[in-house]
């Protein structure tokens, strides 16, 4: 699950939804 989650995080970074909605 951890390995898959890391792969998903990498993919979703290429397809952002609201990239500037929050600046932490």
PDBML (XML) file of the C-alpha atoms, coordinates in Angstrom:
<?xml version="1.0" encoding="UTF-8" ?>
<PDBx:datablock datablockName="MODEL"
   xmlns:PDBx="http://pdbml.pdb.org/schema/pdbx-v50.xsd"
   xmlns:xsi="http://www.w3.org/2001/XMLSchema-instance"
   xsi:schemaLocation="http://pdbml.pdb.org/schema/pdbx-v50.xsd pdbx-v50.xsd">
   <PDBx:atom_siteCategory>
      <PDBx:atom_site id="1">
         <PDBx:B_iso_or_equiv>0.00</PDBx:B_iso_or_equiv>
         <PDBx:Cartn_x>0.000</PDBx:Cartn_x>
         <PDBx:Cartn_y>0.000</PDBx:Cartn_y>
         <PDBx:Cartn_z>0.000</PDBx:Cartn_z>
         <PDBx:auth_asym_id>A</PDBx:auth_asym_id>
         <PDBx:auth_atom_id>CA</PDBx:auth_atom_id>
         <PDBx:auth_comp_id>UNK</PDBx:auth_comp_id>
         <PDBx:auth_seq_id>1</PDBx:auth_seq_id>
         <PDBx:group_PDB>ATOM</PDBx:group_PDB>
         <PDBx:label_alt_id xsi:nil="true" />
         <PDBx:label_asym_id>A</PDBx:label_asym_id>
         <PDBx:label_atom_id>CA</PDBx:label_atom_id>
         <PDBx:label_comp_id>UNK</PDBx:label_comp_id>
         <PDBx:label_entity_id>1</PDBx:label_entity_id>
         <PDBx:label_seq_id>1</PDBx:label_seq_id>
         <PDBx:occupancy>1.00</PDBx:occupancy>
         <PDBx:pdbx_PDB_model_num>1</PDBx:pdbx_PDB_model_num>
         <PDBx:type_symbol>C</PDBx:type_symbol>
      </PDBx:atom_site>
      <PDBx:atom_site id="2">
         <PDBx:B_iso_or_equiv>0.00</PDBx:B_iso_or_equiv>
         <PDBx:Cartn_x>2.844</PDBx:Cartn_x>
         <PDBx:Cartn_y>2.382</PDBx:Cartn_y>
         <PDBx:Cartn_z>0.798</PDBx:Cartn_z>
         <PDBx:auth_asym_id>A</PDBx:auth_asym_id>
         <PDBx:auth_atom_id>CA</PDBx:auth_atom_id>
         <PDBx:auth_comp_id>UNK</PDBx:auth_comp_id>
         <PDBx:auth_seq_id>2</PDBx:auth_seq_id>
         <PDBx:group_PDB>ATOM</PDBx:group_PDB>
         <PDBx:label_alt_id xsi:nil="true" />
         <PDBx:label_asym_id>A</PDBx:label_asym_id>
         <PDBx:label_atom_id>CA</PDBx:label_atom_id>
         <PDBx:label_comp_id>UNK</PDBx:label_comp_id>
         <PDBx:label_entity_id>1</PDBx:label_entity_id>
         <PDBx:label_seq_id>2</PDBx:label_seq_id>
         <PDBx:occupancy>1.00</PDBx:occupancy>
         <PDBx:pdbx_PDB_model_num>1</PDBx:pdbx_PDB_model_num>
         <PDBx:type_symbol>C</PDBx:type_symbol>
      </PDBx:atom_site>
      <PDBx:atom_site id="3">
         <PDBx:B_iso_or_equiv>0.00</PDBx:B_iso_or_equiv>
         <PDBx:Cartn_x>4.572</PDBx:Cartn_x>
         <PDBx:Cartn_y>1.714</PDBx:Cartn_y>
         <PDBx:Cartn_z>-2.519</PDBx:Cartn_z>
         <PDBx:auth_asym_id>A</PDBx:auth_asym_id>
         <PDBx:auth_atom_id>CA</PDBx:auth_atom_id>
         <PDBx:auth_comp_id>UNK</PDBx:auth_comp_id>
         <PDBx:auth_seq_id>3</PDBx:auth_seq_id>
         <PDBx:group_PDB>ATOM</PDBx:group_PDB>
         <PDBx:label_alt_id xsi:nil="true" />
         <PDBx:label_asym_id>A</PDBx:label_asym_id>
         <PDBx:label_atom_id>CA</PDBx:label_atom_id>
         <PDBx:label_comp_id>UNK</PDBx:label_comp_id>
         <PDBx:label_entity_id>1</PDBx:label_entity_id>
         <PDBx:label_seq_id>3</PDBx:label_seq_id>
         <PDBx:occupancy>1.00</PDBx:occupancy>
         <PDBx:pdbx_PDB_model_num>1</PDBx:pdbx_PDB_model_num>
         <PDBx:type_symbol>C</PDBx:type_symbol>
      </PDBx:atom_site>
      <PDBx:atom_site id="4">
         <PDBx:B_iso_or_equiv>0.00</PDBx:B_iso_or_equiv>
         <PDBx:Cartn_x>1.343</PDBx:Cartn_x>
         <PDBx:Cartn_y>2.213</PDBx:Cartn_y>
         <PDBx:Cartn_z>-4.454</PDBx:Cartn_z>
         <PDBx:auth_asym_id>A</PDBx:auth_asym_id>
         <PDBx:auth_atom_id>CA</PDBx:auth_atom_id>
         <PDBx:auth_comp_id>UNK</PDBx:auth_comp_id>
         <PDBx:auth_seq_id>4</PDBx:auth_seq_id>
         <PDBx:group_PDB>ATOM</PDBx:group_PDB>
         <PDBx:label_alt_id xsi:nil="true" />
         <PDBx:label_asym_id>A</PDBx:label_asym_id>
         <PDBx:label_atom_id>CA</PDBx:label_atom_id>
         <PDBx:label_comp_id>UNK</PDBx:label_comp_id>
         <PDBx:label_entity_id>1</PDBx:label_entity_id>
         <PDBx:label_seq_id>4</PDBx:label_seq_id>
         <PDBx:occupancy>1.00</PDBx:occupancy>
         <PDBx:pdbx_PDB_model_num>1</PDBx:pdbx_PDB_model_num>
         <PDBx:type_symbol>C</PDBx:type_symbol>
      </PDBx:atom_site>
      <PDBx:atom_site id="5">
         <PDBx:B_iso_or_equiv>0.00</PDBx:B_iso_or_equiv>
         <PDBx:Cartn_x>0.551</PDBx:Cartn_x>
         <PDBx:Cartn_y>5.387</PDBx:Cartn_y>
         <PDBx:Cartn_z>-2.545</PDBx:Cartn_z>
         <PDBx:auth_asym_id>A</PDBx:auth_asym_id>
         <PDBx:auth_atom_id>CA</PDBx:auth_atom_id>
         <PDBx:auth_comp_id>UNK</PDBx:auth_comp_id>
         <PDBx:auth_seq_id>5</PDBx:auth_seq_id>
         <PDBx:group_PDB>ATOM</PDBx:group_PDB>
         <PDBx:label_alt_id xsi:nil="true" />
         <PDBx:label_asym_id>A</PDBx:label_asym_id>
         <PDBx:label_atom_id>CA</PDBx:label_atom_id>
         <PDBx:label_comp_id>UNK</PDBx:label_comp_id>
         <PDBx:label_entity_id>1</PDBx:label_entity_id>
         <PDBx:label_seq_id>5</PDBx:label_seq_id>
         <PDBx:occupancy>1.00</PDBx:occupancy>
         <PDBx:pdbx_PDB_model_num>1</PDBx:pdbx_PDB_model_num>
         <PDBx:type_symbol>C</PDBx:type_symbol>
      </PDBx:atom_site>
      <PDBx:atom_site id="6">
         <PDBx:B_iso_or_equiv>0.00</PDBx:B_iso_or_equiv>
         <PDBx:Cartn_x>3.960</PDBx:Cartn_x>
         <PDBx:Cartn_y>6.800</PDBx:Cartn_y>
         <PDBx:Cartn_z>-3.420</PDBx:Cartn_z>
         <PDBx:auth_asym_id>A</PDBx:auth_asym_id>
         <PDBx:auth_atom_id>CA</PDBx:auth_atom_id>
         <PDBx:auth_comp_id>UNK</PDBx:auth_comp_id>
         <PDBx:auth_seq_id>6</PDBx:auth_seq_id>
         <PDBx:group_PDB>ATOM</PDBx:group_PDB>
         <PDBx:label_alt_id xsi:nil="true" />
         <PDBx:label_asym_id>A</PDBx:label_asym_id>
         <PDBx:label_atom_id>CA</PDBx:label_atom_id>
         <PDBx:label_comp_id>UNK</PDBx:label_comp_id>
         <PDBx:label_entity_id>1</PDBx:label_entity_id>
         <PDBx:label_seq_id>6</PDBx:label_seq_id>
         <PDBx:occupancy>1.00</PDBx:occupancy>
         <PDBx:pdbx_PDB_model_num>1</PDBx:pdbx_PDB_model_num>
         <PDBx:type_symbol>C</PDBx:type_symbol>
      </PDBx:atom_site>
      <PDBx:atom_site id="7">
         <PDBx:B_iso_or_equiv>0.00</PDBx:B_iso_or_equiv>
         <PDBx:Cartn_x>3.374</PDBx:Cartn_x>
         <PDBx:Cartn_y>6.041</PDBx:Cartn_y>
         <PDBx:Cartn_z>-7.100</PDBx:Cartn_z>
         <PDBx:auth_asym_id>A</PDBx:auth_asym_id>
         <PDBx:auth_atom_id>CA</PDBx:auth_atom_id>
         <PDBx:auth_comp_id>UNK</PDBx:auth_comp_id>
         <PDBx:auth_seq_id>7</PDBx:auth_seq_id>
         <PDBx:group_PDB>ATOM</PDBx:group_PDB>
         <PDBx:label_alt_id xsi:nil="true" />
         <PDBx:label_asym_id>A</PDBx:label_asym_id>
         <PDBx:label_atom_id>CA</PDBx:label_atom_id>
         <PDBx:label_comp_id>UNK</PDBx:label_comp_id>
         <PDBx:label_entity_id>1</PDBx:label_entity_id>
         <PDBx:label_seq_id>7</PDBx:label_seq_id>
         <PDBx:occupancy>1.00</PDBx:occupancy>
         <PDBx:pdbx_PDB_model_num>1</PDBx:pdbx_PDB_model_num>
         <PDBx:type_symbol>C</PDBx:type_symbol>
      </PDBx:atom_site>
      <PDBx:atom_site id="8">
         <PDBx:B_iso_or_equiv>0.00</PDBx:B_iso_or_equiv>
         <PDBx:Cartn_x>-0.039</PDBx:Cartn_x>
         <PDBx:Cartn_y>7.682</PDBx:Cartn_y>
         <PDBx:Cartn_z>-6.960</PDBx:Cartn_z>
         <PDBx:auth_asym_id>A</PDBx:auth_asym_id>
         <PDBx:auth_atom_id>CA</PDBx:auth_atom_id>
         <PDBx:auth_comp_id>UNK</PDBx:auth_comp_id>
         <PDBx:auth_seq_id>8</PDBx:auth_seq_id>
         <PDBx:group_PDB>ATOM</PDBx:group_PDB>
         <PDBx:label_alt_id xsi:nil="true" />
         <PDBx:label_asym_id>A</PDBx:label_asym_id>
         <PDBx:label_atom_id>CA</PDBx:label_atom_id>
         <PDBx:label_comp_id>UNK</PDBx:label_comp_id>
         <PDBx:label_entity_id>1</PDBx:label_entity_id>
         <PDBx:label_seq_id>8</PDBx:label_seq_id>
         <PDBx:occupancy>1.00</PDBx:occupancy>
         <PDBx:pdbx_PDB_model_num>1</PDBx:pdbx_PDB_model_num>
         <PDBx:type_symbol>C</PDBx:type_symbol>
      </PDBx:atom_site>
      <PDBx:atom_site id="9">
         <PDBx:B_iso_or_equiv>0.00</PDBx:B_iso_or_equiv>
         <PDBx:Cartn_x>1.379</PDBx:Cartn_x>
         <PDBx:Cartn_y>10.798</PDBx:Cartn_y>
         <PDBx:Cartn_z>-5.315</PDBx:Cartn_z>
         <PDBx:auth_asym_id>A</PDBx:auth_asym_id>
         <PDBx:auth_atom_id>CA</PDBx:auth_atom_id>
         <PDBx:auth_comp_id>UNK</PDBx:auth_comp_id>
         <PDBx:auth_seq_id>9</PDBx:auth_seq_id>
         <PDBx:group_PDB>ATOM</PDBx:group_PDB>
         <PDBx:label_alt_id xsi:nil="true" />
         <PDBx:label_asym_id>A</PDBx:label_asym_id>
         <PDBx:label_atom_id>CA</PDBx:label_atom_id>
         <PDBx:label_comp_id>UNK</PDBx:label_comp_id>
         <PDBx:label_entity_id>1</PDBx:label_entity_id>
         <PDBx:label_seq_id>9</PDBx:label_seq_id>
         <PDBx:occupancy>1.00</PDBx:occupancy>
         <PDBx:pdbx_PDB_model_num>1</PDBx:pdbx_PDB_model_num>
         <PDBx:type_symbol>C</PDBx:type_symbol>
      </PDBx:atom_site>
      <PDBx:atom_site id="10">
         <PDBx:B_iso_or_equiv>0.00</PDBx:B_iso_or_equiv>
         <PDBx:Cartn_x>3.913</PDBx:Cartn_x>
         <PDBx:Cartn_y>11.089</PDBx:Cartn_y>
         <PDBx:Cartn_z>-8.131</PDBx:Cartn_z>
         <PDBx:auth_asym_id>A</PDBx:auth_asym_id>
         <PDBx:auth_atom_id>CA</PDBx:auth_atom_id>
         <PDBx:auth_comp_id>UNK</PDBx:auth_comp_id>
         <PDBx:auth_seq_id>10</PDBx:auth_seq_id>
         <PDBx:group_PDB>ATOM</PDBx:group_PDB>
         <PDBx:label_alt_id xsi:nil="true" />
         <PDBx:label_asym_id>A</PDBx:label_asym_id>
         <PDBx:label_atom_id>CA</PDBx:label_atom_id>
         <PDBx:label_comp_id>UNK</PDBx:label_comp_id>
         <PDBx:label_entity_id>1</PDBx:label_entity_id>
         <PDBx:label_seq_id>10</PDBx:label_seq_id>
         <PDBx:occupancy>1.00</PDBx:occupancy>
         <PDBx:pdbx_PDB_model_num>1</PDBx:pdbx_PDB_model_num>
         <PDBx:type_symbol>C</PDBx:type_symbol>
      </PDBx:atom_site>
      <PDBx:atom_site id="11">
         <PDBx:B_iso_or_equiv>0.00</PDBx:B_iso_or_equiv>
         <PDBx:Cartn_x>1.217</PDBx:Cartn_x>
         <PDBx:Cartn_y>10.708</PDBx:Cartn_y>
         <PDBx:Cartn_z>-10.787</PDBx:Cartn_z>
         <PDBx:auth_asym_id>A</PDBx:auth_asym_id>
         <PDBx:auth_atom_id>CA</PDBx:auth_atom_id>
         <PDBx:auth_comp_id>UNK</PDBx:auth_comp_id>
         <PDBx:auth_seq_id>11</PDBx:auth_seq_id>
         <PDBx:group_PDB>ATOM</PDBx:group_PDB>
         <PDBx:label_alt_id xsi:nil="true" />
         <PDBx:label_asym_id>A</PDBx:label_asym_id>
         <PDBx:label_atom_id>CA</PDBx:label_atom_id>
         <PDBx:label_comp_id>UNK</PDBx:label_comp_id>
         <PDBx:label_entity_id>1</PDBx:label_entity_id>
         <PDBx:label_seq_id>11</PDBx:label_seq_id>
         <PDBx:occupancy>1.00</PDBx:occupancy>
         <PDBx:pdbx_PDB_model_num>1</PDBx:pdbx_PDB_model_num>
         <PDBx:type_symbol>C</PDBx:type_symbol>
      </PDBx:atom_site>
      <PDBx:atom_site id="12">
         <PDBx:B_iso_or_equiv>0.00</PDBx:B_iso_or_equiv>
         <PDBx:Cartn_x>-1.243</PDBx:Cartn_x>
         <PDBx:Cartn_y>13.141</PDBx:Cartn_y>
         <PDBx:Cartn_z>-9.210</PDBx:Cartn_z>
         <PDBx:auth_asym_id>A</PDBx:auth_asym_id>
         <PDBx:auth_atom_id>CA</PDBx:auth_atom_id>
         <PDBx:auth_comp_id>UNK</PDBx:auth_comp_id>
         <PDBx:auth_seq_id>12</PDBx:auth_seq_id>
         <PDBx:group_PDB>ATOM</PDBx:group_PDB>
         <PDBx:label_alt_id xsi:nil="true" />
         <PDBx:label_asym_id>A</PDBx:label_asym_id>
         <PDBx:label_atom_id>CA</PDBx:label_atom_id>
         <PDBx:label_comp_id>UNK</PDBx:label_comp_id>
         <PDBx:label_entity_id>1</PDBx:label_entity_id>
         <PDBx:label_seq_id>12</PDBx:label_seq_id>
         <PDBx:occupancy>1.00</PDBx:occupancy>
         <PDBx:pdbx_PDB_model_num>1</PDBx:pdbx_PDB_model_num>
         <PDBx:type_symbol>C</PDBx:type_symbol>
      </PDBx:atom_site>
      <PDBx:atom_site id="13">
         <PDBx:B_iso_or_equiv>0.00</PDBx:B_iso_or_equiv>
         <PDBx:Cartn_x>1.474</PDBx:Cartn_x>
         <PDBx:Cartn_y>15.785</PDBx:Cartn_y>
         <PDBx:Cartn_z>-8.960</PDBx:Cartn_z>
         <PDBx:auth_asym_id>A</PDBx:auth_asym_id>
         <PDBx:auth_atom_id>CA</PDBx:auth_atom_id>
         <PDBx:auth_comp_id>UNK</PDBx:auth_comp_id>
         <PDBx:auth_seq_id>13</PDBx:auth_seq_id>
         <PDBx:group_PDB>ATOM</PDBx:group_PDB>
         <PDBx:label_alt_id xsi:nil="true" />
         <PDBx:label_asym_id>A</PDBx:label_asym_id>
         <PDBx:label_atom_id>CA</PDBx:label_atom_id>
         <PDBx:label_comp_id>UNK</PDBx:label_comp_id>
         <PDBx:label_entity_id>1</PDBx:label_entity_id>
         <PDBx:label_seq_id>13</PDBx:label_seq_id>
         <PDBx:occupancy>1.00</PDBx:occupancy>
         <PDBx:pdbx_PDB_model_num>1</PDBx:pdbx_PDB_model_num>
         <PDBx:type_symbol>C</PDBx:type_symbol>
      </PDBx:atom_site>
      <PDBx:atom_site id="14">
         <PDBx:B_iso_or_equiv>0.00</PDBx:B_iso_or_equiv>
         <PDBx:Cartn_x>1.469</PDBx:Cartn_x>
         <PDBx:Cartn_y>15.775</PDBx:Cartn_y>
         <PDBx:Cartn_z>-12.774</PDBx:Cartn_z>
         <PDBx:auth_asym_id>A</PDBx:auth_asym_id>
         <PDBx:auth_atom_id>CA</PDBx:auth_atom_id>
         <PDBx:auth_comp_id>UNK</PDBx:auth_comp_id>
         <PDBx:auth_seq_id>14</PDBx:auth_seq_id>
         <PDBx:group_PDB>ATOM</PDBx:group_PDB>
         <PDBx:label_alt_id xsi:nil="true" />
         <PDBx:label_asym_id>A</PDBx:label_asym_id>
         <PDBx:label_atom_id>CA</PDBx:label_atom_id>
         <PDBx:label_comp_id>UNK</PDBx:label_comp_id>
         <PDBx:label_entity_id>1</PDBx:label_entity_id>
         <PDBx:label_seq_id>14</PDBx:label_seq_id>
         <PDBx:occupancy>1.00</PDBx:occupancy>
         <PDBx:pdbx_PDB_model_num>1</PDBx:pdbx_PDB_model_num>
         <PDBx:type_symbol>C</PDBx:type_symbol>
      </PDBx:atom_site>
      <PDBx:atom_site id="15">
         <PDBx:B_iso_or_equiv>0.00</PDBx:B_iso_or_equiv>
         <PDBx:Cartn_x>-2.300</PDBx:Cartn_x>
         <PDBx:Cartn_y>16.362</PDBx:Cartn_y>
         <PDBx:Cartn_z>-12.840</PDBx:Cartn_z>
         <PDBx:auth_asym_id>A</PDBx:auth_asym_id>
         <PDBx:auth_atom_id>CA</PDBx:auth_atom_id>
         <PDBx:auth_comp_id>UNK</PDBx:auth_comp_id>
         <PDBx:auth_seq_id>15</PDBx:auth_seq_id>
         <PDBx:group_PDB>ATOM</PDBx:group_PDB>
         <PDBx:label_alt_id xsi:nil="true" />
         <PDBx:label_asym_id>A</PDBx:label_asym_id>
         <PDBx:label_atom_id>CA</PDBx:label_atom_id>
         <PDBx:label_comp_id>UNK</PDBx:label_comp_id>
         <PDBx:label_entity_id>1</PDBx:label_entity_id>
         <PDBx:label_seq_id>15</PDBx:label_seq_id>
         <PDBx:occupancy>1.00</PDBx:occupancy>
         <PDBx:pdbx_PDB_model_num>1</PDBx:pdbx_PDB_model_num>
         <PDBx:type_symbol>C</PDBx:type_symbol>
      </PDBx:atom_site>
      <PDBx:atom_site id="16">
         <PDBx:B_iso_or_equiv>0.00</PDBx:B_iso_or_equiv>
         <PDBx:Cartn_x>-3.046</PDBx:Cartn_x>
         <PDBx:Cartn_y>18.954</PDBx:Cartn_y>
         <PDBx:Cartn_z>-10.110</PDBx:Cartn_z>
         <PDBx:auth_asym_id>A</PDBx:auth_asym_id>
         <PDBx:auth_atom_id>CA</PDBx:auth_atom_id>
         <PDBx:auth_comp_id>UNK</PDBx:auth_comp_id>
         <PDBx:auth_seq_id>16</PDBx:auth_seq_id>
         <PDBx:group_PDB>ATOM</PDBx:group_PDB>
         <PDBx:label_alt_id xsi:nil="true" />
         <PDBx:label_asym_id>A</PDBx:label_asym_id>
         <PDBx:label_atom_id>CA</PDBx:label_atom_id>
         <PDBx:label_comp_id>UNK</PDBx:label_comp_id>
         <PDBx:label_entity_id>1</PDBx:label_entity_id>
         <PDBx:label_seq_id>16</PDBx:label_seq_id>
         <PDBx:occupancy>1.00</PDBx:occupancy>
         <PDBx:pdbx_PDB_model_num>1</PDBx:pdbx_PDB_model_num>
         <PDBx:type_symbol>C</PDBx:type_symbol>
      </PDBx:atom_site>
      <PDBx:atom_site id="17">
         <PDBx:B_iso_or_equiv>0.00</PDBx:B_iso_or_equiv>
         <PDBx:Cartn_x>-6.621</PDBx:Cartn_x>
         <PDBx:Cartn_y>19.988</PDBx:Cartn_y>
         <PDBx:Cartn_z>-9.369</PDBx:Cartn_z>
         <PDBx:auth_asym_id>A</PDBx:auth_asym_id>
         <PDBx:auth_atom_id>CA</PDBx:auth_atom_id>
         <PDBx:auth_comp_id>UNK</PDBx:auth_comp_id>
         <PDBx:auth_seq_id>17</PDBx:auth_seq_id>
         <PDBx:group_PDB>ATOM</PDBx:group_PDB>
         <PDBx:label_alt_id xsi:nil="true" />
         <PDBx:label_asym_id>A</PDBx:label_asym_id>
         <PDBx:label_atom_id>CA</PDBx:label_atom_id>
         <PDBx:label_comp_id>UNK</PDBx:label_comp_id>
         <PDBx:label_entity_id>1</PDBx:label_entity_id>
         <PDBx:label_seq_id>17</PDBx:label_seq_id>
         <PDBx:occupancy>1.00</PDBx:occupancy>
         <PDBx:pdbx_PDB_model_num>1</PDBx:pdbx_PDB_model_num>
         <PDBx:type_symbol>C</PDBx:type_symbol>
      </PDBx:atom_site>
      <PDBx:atom_site id="18">
         <PDBx:B_iso_or_equiv>0.00</PDBx:B_iso_or_equiv>
         <PDBx:Cartn_x>-6.264</PDBx:Cartn_x>
         <PDBx:Cartn_y>23.253</PDBx:Cartn_y>
         <PDBx:Cartn_z>-7.465</PDBx:Cartn_z>
         <PDBx:auth_asym_id>A</PDBx:auth_asym_id>
         <PDBx:auth_atom_id>CA</PDBx:auth_atom_id>
         <PDBx:auth_comp_id>UNK</PDBx:auth_comp_id>
         <PDBx:auth_seq_id>18</PDBx:auth_seq_id>
         <PDBx:group_PDB>ATOM</PDBx:group_PDB>
         <PDBx:label_alt_id xsi:nil="true" />
         <PDBx:label_asym_id>A</PDBx:label_asym_id>
         <PDBx:label_atom_id>CA</PDBx:label_atom_id>
         <PDBx:label_comp_id>UNK</PDBx:label_comp_id>
         <PDBx:label_entity_id>1</PDBx:label_entity_id>
         <PDBx:label_seq_id>18</PDBx:label_seq_id>
         <PDBx:occupancy>1.00</PDBx:occupancy>
         <PDBx:pdbx_PDB_model_num>1</PDBx:pdbx_PDB_model_num>
         <PDBx:type_symbol>C</PDBx:type_symbol>
      </PDBx:atom_site>
      <PDBx:atom_site id="19">
         <PDBx:B_iso_or_equiv>0.00</PDBx:B_iso_or_equiv>
         <PDBx:Cartn_x>-2.492</PDBx:Cartn_x>
         <PDBx:Cartn_y>23.840</PDBx:Cartn_y>
         <PDBx:Cartn_z>-7.416</PDBx:Cartn_z>
         <PDBx:auth_asym_id>A</PDBx:auth_asym_id>
         <PDBx:auth_atom_id>CA</PDBx:auth_atom_id>
         <PDBx:auth_comp_id>UNK</PDBx:auth_comp_id>
         <PDBx:auth_seq_id>19</PDBx:auth_seq_id>
         <PDBx:group_PDB>ATOM</PDBx:group_PDB>
         <PDBx:label_alt_id xsi:nil="true" />
         <PDBx:label_asym_id>A</PDBx:label_asym_id>
         <PDBx:label_atom_id>CA</PDBx:label_atom_id>
         <PDBx:label_comp_id>UNK</PDBx:label_comp_id>
         <PDBx:label_entity_id>1</PDBx:label_entity_id>
         <PDBx:label_seq_id>19</PDBx:label_seq_id>
         <PDBx:occupancy>1.00</PDBx:occupancy>
         <PDBx:pdbx_PDB_model_num>1</PDBx:pdbx_PDB_model_num>
         <PDBx:type_symbol>C</PDBx:type_symbol>
      </PDBx:atom_site>
      <PDBx:atom_site id="20">
         <PDBx:B_iso_or_equiv>0.00</PDBx:B_iso_or_equiv>
         <PDBx:Cartn_x>-2.609</PDBx:Cartn_x>
         <PDBx:Cartn_y>27.347</PDBx:Cartn_y>
         <PDBx:Cartn_z>-5.922</PDBx:Cartn_z>
         <PDBx:auth_asym_id>A</PDBx:auth_asym_id>
         <PDBx:auth_atom_id>CA</PDBx:auth_atom_id>
         <PDBx:auth_comp_id>UNK</PDBx:auth_comp_id>
         <PDBx:auth_seq_id>20</PDBx:auth_seq_id>
         <PDBx:group_PDB>ATOM</PDBx:group_PDB>
         <PDBx:label_alt_id xsi:nil="true" />
         <PDBx:label_asym_id>A</PDBx:label_asym_id>
         <PDBx:label_atom_id>CA</PDBx:label_atom_id>
         <PDBx:label_comp_id>UNK</PDBx:label_comp_id>
         <PDBx:label_entity_id>1</PDBx:label_entity_id>
         <PDBx:label_seq_id>20</PDBx:label_seq_id>
         <PDBx:occupancy>1.00</PDBx:occupancy>
         <PDBx:pdbx_PDB_model_num>1</PDBx:pdbx_PDB_model_num>
         <PDBx:type_symbol>C</PDBx:type_symbol>
      </PDBx:atom_site>
      <PDBx:atom_site id="21">
         <PDBx:B_iso_or_equiv>0.00</PDBx:B_iso_or_equiv>
         <PDBx:Cartn_x>-5.539</PDBx:Cartn_x>
         <PDBx:Cartn_y>26.986</PDBx:Cartn_y>
         <PDBx:Cartn_z>-3.581</PDBx:Cartn_z>
         <PDBx:auth_asym_id>A</PDBx:auth_asym_id>
         <PDBx:auth_atom_id>CA</PDBx:auth_atom_id>
         <PDBx:auth_comp_id>UNK</PDBx:auth_comp_id>
         <PDBx:auth_seq_id>21</PDBx:auth_seq_id>
         <PDBx:group_PDB>ATOM</PDBx:group_PDB>
         <PDBx:label_alt_id xsi:nil="true" />
         <PDBx:label_asym_id>A</PDBx:label_asym_id>
         <PDBx:label_atom_id>CA</PDBx:label_atom_id>
         <PDBx:label_comp_id>UNK</PDBx:label_comp_id>
         <PDBx:label_entity_id>1</PDBx:label_entity_id>
         <PDBx:label_seq_id>21</PDBx:label_seq_id>
         <PDBx:occupancy>1.00</PDBx:occupancy>
         <PDBx:pdbx_PDB_model_num>1</PDBx:pdbx_PDB_model_num>
         <PDBx:type_symbol>C</PDBx:type_symbol>
      </PDBx:atom_site>
      <PDBx:atom_site id="22">
         <PDBx:B_iso_or_equiv>0.00</PDBx:B_iso_or_equiv>
         <PDBx:Cartn_x>-3.364</PDBx:Cartn_x>
         <PDBx:Cartn_y>26.595</PDBx:Cartn_y>
         <PDBx:Cartn_z>-0.493</PDBx:Cartn_z>
         <PDBx:auth_asym_id>A</PDBx:auth_asym_id>
         <PDBx:auth_atom_id>CA</PDBx:auth_atom_id>
         <PDBx:auth_comp_id>UNK</PDBx:auth_comp_id>
         <PDBx:auth_seq_id>22</PDBx:auth_seq_id>
         <PDBx:group_PDB>ATOM</PDBx:group_PDB>
         <PDBx:label_alt_id xsi:nil="true" />
         <PDBx:label_asym_id>A</PDBx:label_asym_id>
         <PDBx:label_atom_id>CA</PDBx:label_atom_id>
         <PDBx:label_comp_id>UNK</PDBx:label_comp_id>
         <PDBx:label_entity_id>1</PDBx:label_entity_id>
         <PDBx:label_seq_id>22</PDBx:label_seq_id>
         <PDBx:occupancy>1.00</PDBx:occupancy>
         <PDBx:pdbx_PDB_model_num>1</PDBx:pdbx_PDB_model_num>
         <PDBx:type_symbol>C</PDBx:type_symbol>
      </PDBx:atom_site>
      <PDBx:atom_site id="23">
         <PDBx:B_iso_or_equiv>0.00</PDBx:B_iso_or_equiv>
         <PDBx:Cartn_x>0.130</PDBx:Cartn_x>
         <PDBx:Cartn_y>27.900</PDBx:Cartn_y>
         <PDBx:Cartn_z>0.097</PDBx:Cartn_z>
         <PDBx:auth_asym_id>A</PDBx:auth_asym_id>
         <PDBx:auth_atom_id>CA</PDBx:auth_atom_id>
         <PDBx:auth_comp_id>UNK</PDBx:auth_comp_id>
         <PDBx:auth_seq_id>23</PDBx:auth_seq_id>
         <PDBx:group_PDB>ATOM</PDBx:group_PDB>
         <PDBx:label_alt_id xsi:nil="true" />
         <PDBx:label_asym_id>A</PDBx:label_asym_id>
         <PDBx:label_atom_id>CA</PDBx:label_atom_id>
         <PDBx:label_comp_id>UNK</PDBx:label_comp_id>
         <PDBx:label_entity_id>1</PDBx:label_entity_id>
         <PDBx:label_seq_id>23</PDBx:label_seq_id>
         <PDBx:occupancy>1.00</PDBx:occupancy>
         <PDBx:pdbx_PDB_model_num>1</PDBx:pdbx_PDB_model_num>
         <PDBx:type_symbol>C</PDBx:type_symbol>
      </PDBx:atom_site>
      <PDBx:atom_site id="24">
         <PDBx:B_iso_or_equiv>0.00</PDBx:B_iso_or_equiv>
         <PDBx:Cartn_x>1.522</PDBx:Cartn_x>
         <PDBx:Cartn_y>26.500</PDBx:Cartn_y>
         <PDBx:Cartn_z>3.313</PDBx:Cartn_z>
         <PDBx:auth_asym_id>A</PDBx:auth_asym_id>
         <PDBx:auth_atom_id>CA</PDBx:auth_atom_id>
         <PDBx:auth_comp_id>UNK</PDBx:auth_comp_id>
         <PDBx:auth_seq_id>24</PDBx:auth_seq_id>
         <PDBx:group_PDB>ATOM</PDBx:group_PDB>
         <PDBx:label_alt_id xsi:nil="true" />
         <PDBx:label_asym_id>A</PDBx:label_asym_id>
         <PDBx:label_atom_id>CA</PDBx:label_atom_id>
         <PDBx:label_comp_id>UNK</PDBx:label_comp_id>
         <PDBx:label_entity_id>1</PDBx:label_entity_id>
         <PDBx:label_seq_id>24</PDBx:label_seq_id>
         <PDBx:occupancy>1.00</PDBx:occupancy>
         <PDBx:pdbx_PDB_model_num>1</PDBx:pdbx_PDB_model_num>
         <PDBx:type_symbol>C</PDBx:type_symbol>
      </PDBx:atom_site>
   </PDBx:atom_siteCategory>
</PDBx:datablock>
